[in-house]
């Protein structure tokens, strides 16, 4: 069952409905992609405008947050291309696929203990492997204990 344009328009959320009443969708109206003057016919409600008489700039009719809300609603209904050009260029997946990562995230600096840990573990393994020689150098009586251990190993089999 296919909906007519009026039926489809009436099923839109109230926010989108009110927006499209004030600012008709793109096929019916053209909007500027850059900030323009207040007197021009293609004023974009998401971009700032300049008064040609006074030279003063006024902010956009819809803030970045409100325009993002409208865009998300329109995207939900598959009509985001009907909205005027929005200054925020990145939404959803595009925001994360084309992200400029900070250097600290890509290559974090390690703490001192983290930098020294691999060397420390290597030294510890070497010390454990050479423990008998180290103890023997410090205590001459340890030689007897080593001989006992060797003797027990031989008789244990």
Protein backbone atom coordinates (compact mmCIF):
# COMPACT_ATOMS: atom_id res chain seq x y z
CA UNK A 1 0.00 0.00 0.00
CA UNK A 2 1.53 3.28 -1.13
CA UNK A 3 0.99 6.53 0.74
CA UNK A 4 0.28 9.80 -1.01
CA UNK A 5 2.55 12.74 -0.34
CA UNK A 6 0.04 14.39 1.98
CA UNK A 7 -0.46 11.20 4.00
CA UNK A 8 3.29 10.66 4.30
CA UNK A 9 3.77 14.31 5.34
CA UNK A 10 1.10 14.00 8.02
CA UNK A 11 2.83 10.94 9.49
CA UNK A 12 6.08 12.85 10.13
CA UNK A 13 6.87 13.87 13.74
CA UNK A 14 5.62 17.30 14.78
CA UNK A 15 9.14 18.82 14.79
CA UNK A 16 9.79 17.85 11.18
CA UNK A 17 6.25 18.76 10.18
CA UNK A 18 6.60 22.29 11.60
CA UNK A 19 10.07 22.71 10.08
CA UNK A 20 8.94 21.74 6.58
CA UNK A 21 5.98 24.13 6.83
CA UNK A 22 8.36 27.05 7.59
CA UNK A 23 11.12 25.86 5.23
CA UNK A 24 9.82 23.74 2.32
CA UNK A 25 11.85 20.65 1.35
CA UNK A 26 14.69 20.99 -1.16
CA UNK A 27 12.92 20.05 -4.37
CA UNK A 28 10.52 22.98 -3.82
CA UNK A 29 13.04 25.51 -2.46
CA UNK A 30 16.79 26.05 -2.79
CA UNK A 31 18.98 26.96 0.19
CA UNK A 32 22.44 28.52 0.38
CA UNK A 33 25.32 26.29 1.44
CA UNK A 34 27.31 29.27 2.78
CA UNK A 35 26.29 32.15 5.08
CA UNK A 36 24.25 34.71 3.12
CA UNK A 37 22.53 38.08 3.48
CA UNK A 38 19.20 38.42 5.25
CA UNK A 39 17.57 39.83 2.09
CA UNK A 40 18.48 36.92 -0.20
CA UNK A 41 15.81 34.40 -1.18
CA UNK A 42 17.89 31.30 -0.39
CA UNK A 43 18.56 31.95 3.32
CA UNK A 44 19.57 28.74 5.09
CA UNK A 45 18.07 28.51 8.63
CA UNK A 46 21.09 26.51 9.84
CA UNK A 47 23.68 29.18 8.85
CA UNK A 48 24.33 32.73 10.11
CA UNK A 49 23.11 35.70 8.05
CA UNK A 50 24.44 39.20 7.47
CA UNK A 51 22.34 42.34 7.37
CA UNK A 52 23.50 44.29 4.26
CA UNK A 53 22.40 47.68 5.68
CA UNK A 54 23.99 47.53 9.12
CA UNK A 55 26.69 44.96 8.31
CA UNK A 56 25.85 42.99 11.46
CA UNK A 57 25.79 39.23 11.60
CA UNK A 58 22.98 37.31 13.26
CA UNK A 59 23.14 33.71 14.35
CA UNK A 60 21.34 30.87 12.60
CA UNK A 61 17.62 30.37 13.25
CA UNK A 62 18.33 26.78 14.34
CA UNK A 63 21.25 26.06 16.68
CA UNK A 64 23.69 23.23 16.04
CA UNK A 65 21.91 21.06 18.61
CA UNK A 66 18.45 21.69 17.16
CA UNK A 67 19.68 21.16 13.60
CA UNK A 68 21.31 17.88 14.66
CA UNK A 69 18.03 16.78 16.27
CA UNK A 70 16.16 17.60 13.05
CA UNK A 71 18.75 15.76 10.97
CA UNK A 72 18.52 12.66 13.19
CA UNK A 73 14.72 12.68 12.97
CA UNK A 74 14.83 13.11 9.20
CA UNK A 75 17.39 10.32 8.91
CA UNK A 76 15.10 8.04 10.88
CA UNK A 77 12.42 8.58 8.21
CA UNK A 78 14.91 8.51 5.31
CA UNK A 79 14.37 12.12 4.23
CA UNK A 80 17.60 13.80 5.42
CA UNK A 81 18.45 14.90 1.86
CA UNK A 82 15.32 17.11 1.87
CA UNK A 83 16.75 19.32 4.65
CA UNK A 84 18.80 22.44 3.82
CA UNK A 85 22.60 21.94 3.94
CA UNK A 86 23.73 21.53 7.55
CA UNK A 87 27.05 23.02 8.77
CA UNK A 88 27.92 19.91 10.79
CA UNK A 89 29.55 17.71 8.21
CA UNK A 90 29.91 14.49 10.19
CA UNK A 91 27.17 12.34 11.65
CA UNK A 92 27.04 8.75 12.86
CA UNK A 93 29.46 6.31 11.20
CA UNK A 94 31.17 8.98 9.08
CA UNK A 95 32.10 10.74 12.31
CA UNK A 96 34.08 7.71 13.50
CA UNK A 97 35.43 6.42 10.17
CA UNK A 98 37.07 9.74 9.27
CA UNK A 99 38.10 10.73 12.77
CA UNK A 100 41.39 12.57 13.35
CA UNK A 101 42.76 10.73 16.35
CA UNK A 102 44.88 12.59 18.85
CA UNK A 103 48.53 11.53 18.98
CA UNK A 104 48.23 10.56 22.65
CA UNK A 105 45.50 8.05 21.79
CA UNK A 106 47.48 6.45 18.96
CA UNK A 107 50.84 6.35 20.74
CA UNK A 108 50.32 6.86 24.46
CA UNK A 109 53.32 7.77 26.58
CA UNK A 110 53.96 5.13 29.16
CA UNK A 111 54.64 5.69 32.83
CA UNK A 112 58.18 5.11 34.05
CA UNK A 113 57.35 1.73 35.60
CA UNK A 114 55.66 0.63 32.36
CA UNK A 115 58.73 1.55 30.30
CA UNK A 116 61.09 -0.29 32.66
CA UNK A 117 58.90 -3.39 33.19
CA UNK A 118 60.18 -5.60 30.30
CA UNK A 119 63.83 -5.06 31.30
CA UNK A 120 62.98 -5.69 34.95
CA UNK A 121 61.24 -8.99 34.12
CA UNK A 122 64.20 -10.09 31.98
CA UNK A 123 66.63 -9.35 34.82
CA UNK A 124 64.39 -11.24 37.24
CA UNK A 125 64.35 -14.35 35.01
CA UNK A 126 68.15 -14.25 34.69
CA UNK A 127 68.53 -13.84 38.46
CA UNK A 128 66.26 -16.83 39.13
CA UNK A 129 68.20 -18.94 36.62
CA UNK A 130 71.56 -18.01 38.25
CA UNK A 131 70.30 -18.09 41.84
CA UNK A 132 72.44 -21.04 42.95
CA UNK A 133 75.67 -19.43 41.68
CA UNK A 134 74.79 -16.12 43.35
CA UNK A 135 74.06 -17.75 46.71
CA UNK A 136 77.16 -19.92 46.46
CA UNK A 137 79.32 -16.82 45.92
CA UNK A 138 77.86 -15.20 49.03
CA UNK A 139 77.77 -18.31 51.30
CA UNK A 140 80.29 -21.07 51.04
CA UNK A 141 78.19 -23.43 53.19
CA UNK A 142 75.50 -23.48 50.53
CA UNK A 143 77.63 -25.93 48.50
CA UNK A 144 76.69 -28.71 50.95
CA UNK A 145 72.99 -28.02 50.49
CA UNK A 146 73.42 -28.16 46.71
CA UNK A 147 75.19 -31.50 46.95
CA UNK A 148 72.39 -32.88 49.17
CA UNK A 149 69.80 -31.72 46.65
CA UNK A 150 71.67 -33.40 43.81
CA UNK A 151 71.98 -36.60 45.83
CA UNK A 152 68.26 -36.62 46.60
CA UNK A 153 67.46 -36.15 42.93
CA UNK A 154 69.59 -39.17 42.00
CA UNK A 155 68.04 -41.45 44.65
CA UNK A 156 64.53 -40.31 44.00
CA UNK A 157 64.36 -41.94 40.57
